[in-house]
Amino acid sequence: MLRSMYAGVSGMKGFQTKLDVIGNNIANVNTIGFKKSTINFQDLLSQNLSSSGVNPIQVGLGSTIASINTQHTPGSAMTTGVGTDLSIMGNGFFVVQAPDATGDEGQYLTRAGNFVADQNGFLVTAQGYNVLDSTGAKINIDPNTYDSFTINRAGQIMGKRSDNGVEEQVLPANETIGIASPPNPAGLRKFGGSLYEMTTNAEPTGTIILGTVAGMNTEIASGQLEMSNVDLTEEFTEMIIAQRGFQANSRTITTSDEILQEVVNLKR
């Protein structure tokens, strides 16, 4: 009876965490570049009651969380018509850096491409993080040099000069918007603000390796944003399963308690 009660408690804890994951997914259904999470369970150790027979006699002791994984499947594209809104058509991440960071410090990965050019011509995120090019330098389109600029599918920034109207590449030759593509993106750590931190689980070196758009076998879509990959139909279905699982485990505890009460009443 006590085993069944503890097993029920472990099941309730697991399904509560599942509801937490589902709730976070649904809350971010309209978050740009958000990647949903999924949860997997595994059984706990089993207690051996006997090993004298052909097969061992064991009783399980409940369940626990095996993993919570981030699913990096692409989200749907939303057309905005804004030239600095970018989406990656394929694998990889934009690389951004905290405004007060230097060198390789303060660098993060993101799929959220809602960028803007600030008053000094730097391409930045909504939080003010600088977007980096394929050499790791902060992208700057000098407003005193260029009247306007566009970003093509190859990730090149083409600016129209203010003095003669000639269009030229803003970044150094053969350089583009920086793209990083770690071997195991599921190993990245969520930092908040649609940003990810690099880890040794995602990249063996534990550092962000930048490359060109073409070098990472992808393309850039200008005037589009990648939306969340959360499927509400799937999330609501999983919510029903989690709710029923929680109820069933609570019923296990209630039933065990009733049986234990009967045992106590035997003395009367």
Protein backbone atom coordinates (compact mmCIF):
# COMPACT_ATOMS: atom_id res chain seq x y z
CA MET A 1 0.00 0.00 0.00
CA LEU A 2 2.79 2.41 0.87
CA ARG A 3 4.54 1.56 -2.40
CA SER A 4 1.41 2.41 -4.38
CA MET A 5 1.06 5.72 -2.56
CA TYR A 6 4.63 6.75 -3.26
CA ALA A 7 4.27 5.61 -6.88
CA GLY A 8 1.15 7.76 -7.17
CA VAL A 9 2.99 10.76 -5.73
CA SER A 10 5.83 10.35 -8.25
CA GLY A 11 3.30 10.12 -11.07
CA MET A 12 1.53 13.29 -9.93
CA LYS A 13 4.83 15.18 -9.74
CA GLY A 14 5.77 14.03 -13.23
CA PHE A 15 2.46 15.05 -14.79
CA GLN A 16 2.59 18.39 -12.98
CA THR A 17 5.94 19.05 -14.63
CA LYS A 18 4.45 17.96 -17.96
CA LEU A 19 1.68 20.54 -17.48
CA ASP A 20 4.36 23.15 -16.72
CA VAL A 21 6.09 22.35 -20.03
CA ILE A 22 2.81 22.44 -21.96
CA GLY A 23 1.81 25.71 -20.31
CA ASN A 24 5.11 27.32 -21.32
CA ASN A 25 4.67 26.09 -24.90
CA ILE A 26 1.16 27.53 -25.14
CA ALA A 27 2.24 30.82 -23.56
CA ASN A 28 4.85 31.20 -26.32
CA VAL A 29 2.64 30.17 -29.24
CA ASN A 30 3.13 33.63 -30.79
CA THR A 31 6.75 34.22 -29.71
CA ILE A 32 9.11 34.85 -32.63
CA GLY A 33 11.66 32.07 -33.05
CA PHE A 34 10.39 30.08 -30.04
CA LYS A 35 11.06 26.32 -30.02
CA LYS A 36 8.71 24.08 -28.09
CA SER A 37 9.80 21.57 -25.45
CA THR A 38 8.73 17.98 -24.90
CA ILE A 39 9.04 15.84 -21.79
CA ASN A 40 9.82 12.12 -21.48
CA PHE A 41 9.42 9.84 -18.48
CA GLN A 42 11.18 6.73 -17.24
CA ASP A 43 10.41 4.23 -14.50
CA LEU A 44 12.20 4.24 -11.15
CA LEU A 45 14.01 1.29 -9.63
CA SER A 46 11.93 -1.82 -9.07
CA GLN A 47 11.91 -3.76 -5.80
CA ASN A 48 12.69 -7.47 -6.06
CA LEU A 49 10.17 -9.57 -4.17
CA SER A 50 11.59 -12.91 -5.27
CA SER A 51 14.14 -14.33 -7.68
CA SER A 52 13.42 -18.00 -7.04
CA GLY A 53 11.18 -18.51 -10.06
CA VAL A 54 11.89 -18.55 -13.76
CA ASN A 55 11.29 -14.82 -13.97
CA PRO A 56 12.06 -12.24 -11.28
CA ILE A 57 9.11 -10.92 -9.28
CA GLN A 58 9.41 -7.15 -9.11
CA VAL A 59 7.24 -4.22 -8.11
CA GLY A 60 7.91 -0.80 -9.63
CA LEU A 61 8.41 2.23 -7.42
CA GLY A 62 6.95 4.89 -9.68
CA SER A 63 8.22 7.16 -12.44
CA THR A 64 10.52 10.12 -12.89
CA ILE A 65 11.46 12.60 -15.59
CA ALA A 66 13.95 11.26 -18.11
CA SER A 67 14.44 14.41 -20.18
CA ILE A 68 12.94 17.70 -21.31
CA ASN A 69 14.02 18.30 -24.90
CA THR A 70 13.79 21.39 -27.08
CA GLN A 71 12.44 20.62 -30.56
CA HIS A 72 14.31 22.71 -33.14
CA THR A 73 11.93 22.06 -36.01
CA PRO A 74 11.28 25.14 -38.19
CA GLY A 75 8.30 27.36 -37.42
CA SER A 76 6.00 28.93 -39.97
CA ALA A 77 7.11 32.09 -41.78
CA MET A 78 5.24 35.36 -41.31
CA THR A 79 5.70 38.05 -43.96
CA THR A 80 6.24 41.52 -42.49
CA GLY A 81 7.71 43.48 -45.40
CA VAL A 82 10.30 45.03 -43.07
CA GLY A 83 13.76 44.72 -44.60
CA THR A 84 15.53 44.11 -41.28
CA ASP A 85 13.18 41.25 -40.33
CA LEU A 86 15.12 38.10 -41.17
CA SER A 87 14.49 34.38 -41.02
CA ILE A 88 16.83 31.46 -41.62
CA MET A 89 15.64 29.04 -44.29
CA GLY A 90 17.31 25.91 -42.95
CA ASN A 91 19.43 25.02 -39.96
CA GLY A 92 21.50 27.44 -37.95
CA PHE A 93 21.18 30.47 -35.68
CA PHE A 94 21.90 34.16 -35.79
CA VAL A 95 24.68 35.18 -33.41
CA VAL A 96 24.21 38.25 -31.21
CA GLN A 97 26.33 39.86 -28.51
CA ALA A 98 25.52 41.91 -25.44
CA PRO A 99 26.19 45.61 -26.11
CA ASP A 100 28.74 45.96 -23.29
CA ALA A 101 30.58 42.70 -24.05
CA THR A 102 33.94 42.45 -25.82
CA GLY A 103 35.78 39.68 -27.60
CA ASP A 104 33.95 36.37 -27.49
CA GLU A 105 32.13 37.21 -24.27
CA GLY A 106 28.37 37.69 -24.09
CA GLN A 107 27.57 35.90 -27.35
CA TYR A 108 24.25 34.08 -27.79
CA LEU A 109 22.35 32.24 -30.49
CA THR A 110 18.82 33.06 -31.63
CA ARG A 111 16.29 32.24 -34.33
CA ALA A 112 14.37 35.46 -33.69
CA GLY A 113 15.29 37.77 -36.55
CA ASN A 114 13.27 40.87 -35.63
CA PHE A 115 16.26 43.21 -35.97
CA VAL A 116 16.45 46.98 -36.32
CA ALA A 117 19.16 49.50 -37.17
CA ASP A 118 19.81 51.81 -34.23
CA GLN A 119 20.71 55.52 -34.35
CA ASN A 120 24.38 54.69 -34.94
CA GLY A 121 23.68 52.23 -37.76
CA PHE A 122 24.30 49.04 -35.76
CA LEU A 123 22.03 46.11 -36.51
CA VAL A 124 20.58 45.07 -33.15
CA THR A 125 17.84 42.96 -31.60
CA ALA A 126 14.82 44.36 -29.79
CA GLN A 127 16.78 44.01 -26.53
CA GLY A 128 19.76 45.94 -27.93
CA TYR A 129 22.07 42.97 -28.61
CA ASN A 130 24.39 43.50 -31.58
CA VAL A 131 24.05 41.18 -34.57
CA LEU A 132 27.43 39.74 -35.64
CA ASP A 133 28.79 39.03 -39.09
CA SER A 134 30.62 35.88 -40.16
CA THR A 135 33.90 37.21 -38.71
CA GLY A 136 32.36 37.93 -35.30
CA ALA A 137 32.30 41.72 -35.79
CA LYS A 138 29.29 43.89 -34.99
CA ILE A 139 27.34 44.78 -38.12
CA ASN A 140 27.22 48.51 -38.77
CA ILE A 141 25.58 50.30 -41.72
CA ASP A 142 26.88 53.86 -41.40
CA PRO A 143 23.87 56.18 -41.89
CA ASN A 144 26.23 58.93 -43.09
CA THR A 145 27.56 56.69 -45.84
CA TYR A 146 24.47 54.83 -47.00
CA ASP A 147 20.98 56.18 -47.68
CA SER A 148 19.42 52.71 -47.58
CA PHE A 149 20.35 49.04 -47.54
CA THR A 150 18.92 45.62 -48.35
CA ILE A 151 19.81 42.09 -47.26
CA ASN A 152 19.80 39.38 -49.93
CA ARG A 153 19.29 35.62 -49.68
CA ALA A 154 23.04 35.04 -49.39
CA GLY A 155 23.13 37.19 -46.23
CA GLN A 156 25.02 40.01 -47.93
CA ILE A 157 24.15 43.58 -46.93
CA MET A 158 23.95 45.83 -49.97
CA GLY A 159 24.00 49.59 -49.24
CA LYS A 160 23.19 52.50 -51.54
CA ARG A 161 25.85 55.18 -51.11
CA SER A 162 24.64 58.65 -50.26
CA ASP A 163 27.30 60.43 -52.34
CA ASN A 164 26.89 58.77 -55.75
CA GLY A 165 23.94 56.37 -55.39
CA VAL A 166 26.09 53.33 -56.21
CA GLU A 167 25.09 50.07 -54.54
CA GLU A 168 27.89 48.17 -52.87
CA GLN A 169 28.39 45.51 -50.26
CA VAL A 170 28.56 46.96 -46.77
CA LEU A 171 30.48 44.09 -45.19
CA PRO A 172 33.99 43.11 -46.33
CA ALA A 173 34.19 40.94 -49.43
CA ASN A 174 32.87 37.38 -49.05
CA GLU A 175 31.52 38.16 -45.57
CA THR A 176 27.83 37.85 -44.66
CA ILE A 177 25.56 37.90 -41.64
CA GLY A 178 27.02 35.40 -39.20
CA ILE A 179 25.43 31.96 -38.87
CA ALA A 180 26.29 29.29 -36.31
CA SER A 181 25.10 25.70 -36.68
CA PRO A 182 26.06 23.53 -33.68
CA PRO A 183 25.97 19.74 -34.26
CA ASN A 184 23.43 19.21 -31.46
CA PRO A 185 21.14 22.25 -31.14
CA ALA A 186 19.03 20.41 -28.54
CA GLY A 187 22.03 20.73 -26.21
CA LEU A 188 21.80 24.53 -26.14
CA ARG A 189 20.72 26.18 -22.88
CA LYS A 190 17.83 28.64 -22.97
CA PHE A 191 18.92 32.04 -21.67
CA GLY A 192 15.67 33.98 -22.00
CA GLY A 193 14.63 36.61 -24.51
CA SER A 194 14.62 33.95 -27.28
CA LEU A 195 18.38 33.53 -26.77
CA TYR A 196 20.45 30.36 -26.29
CA GLU A 197 23.77 29.82 -24.56
CA MET A 198 26.38 27.57 -26.08
CA THR A 199 27.28 24.40 -24.14
CA THR A 200 29.67 21.52 -24.66
CA ASN A 201 26.64 19.30 -25.24
CA ALA A 202 25.73 21.34 -28.31
CA GLU A 203 29.28 21.96 -29.57
CA PRO A 204 32.23 19.87 -28.29
CA THR A 205 34.45 22.96 -28.09
CA GLY A 206 31.85 24.85 -26.07
CA THR A 207 32.37 27.94 -28.24
CA ILE A 208 30.27 29.53 -30.98
CA ILE A 209 31.73 28.81 -34.42
CA LEU A 210 30.65 31.45 -36.93
CA GLY A 211 30.37 30.99 -40.67
CA THR A 212 28.88 32.57 -43.76
CA VAL A 213 25.33 31.87 -44.85
CA ALA A 214 26.51 29.82 -47.85
CA GLY A 215 29.13 28.06 -45.74
CA MET A 216 26.40 26.85 -43.39
CA ASN A 217 24.29 25.59 -46.34
CA THR A 218 21.36 27.88 -45.68
CA GLU A 219 19.72 31.08 -46.95
CA ILE A 220 18.30 34.26 -45.45
CA ALA A 221 14.77 35.51 -46.13
CA SER A 222 14.40 39.27 -45.73
CA GLY A 223 11.02 40.72 -44.78
CA GLN A 224 9.97 37.53 -42.98
CA LEU A 225 10.02 36.26 -39.40
CA GLU A 226 10.06 32.68 -38.18
CA MET A 227 7.21 32.16 -35.76
CA SER A 228 6.89 29.61 -32.95
CA ASN A 229 6.79 25.91 -33.86
CA VAL A 230 4.13 25.23 -31.20
CA ASP A 231 1.12 23.27 -32.51
CA LEU A 232 -1.89 24.13 -30.34
CA THR A 233 -3.78 20.98 -31.39
CA GLU A 234 -0.91 18.82 -30.21
CA GLU A 235 -0.47 20.80 -26.99
CA PHE A 236 -4.15 20.58 -26.05
CA THR A 237 -4.11 16.83 -26.69
CA GLU A 238 -1.06 16.41 -24.48
CA MET A 239 -2.74 18.57 -21.85
CA ILE A 240 -5.73 16.22 -21.74
CA ILE A 241 -3.39 13.24 -21.37
CA ALA A 242 -1.48 14.99 -18.57
CA GLN A 243 -4.71 15.92 -16.79
CA ARG A 244 -6.05 12.37 -16.94
CA GLY A 245 -2.71 10.96 -15.82
CA PHE A 246 -2.67 13.33 -12.85
CA GLN A 247 -6.23 12.33 -11.93
CA ALA A 248 -5.45 8.61 -12.24
CA ASN A 249 -2.40 8.89 -9.98
CA SER A 250 -4.35 10.88 -7.42
CA ARG A 251 -6.97 8.12 -7.51
CA THR A 252 -4.23 5.58 -6.75
CA ILE A 253 -3.32 7.52 -3.61
CA THR A 254 -6.98 7.80 -2.57
CA THR A 255 -7.58 4.07 -3.06
CA SER A 256 -4.43 3.14 -1.14
CA ASP A 257 -5.51 5.44 1.67
CA GLU A 258 -8.94 3.76 1.82
CA ILE A 259 -7.35 0.32 2.02
CA LEU A 260 -4.95 1.51 4.72
CA GLN A 261 -7.92 2.87 6.66
CA GLU A 262 -9.59 -0.54 6.46
CA VAL A 263 -6.46 -2.17 7.90
CA VAL A 264 -6.46 0.30 10.77
CA ASN A 265 -10.14 -0.42 11.45
CA LEU A 266 -9.48 -4.18 11.77
CA LYS A 267 -8.48 -3.67 15.37
CA ARG A 268 -11.87 -2.22 16.31
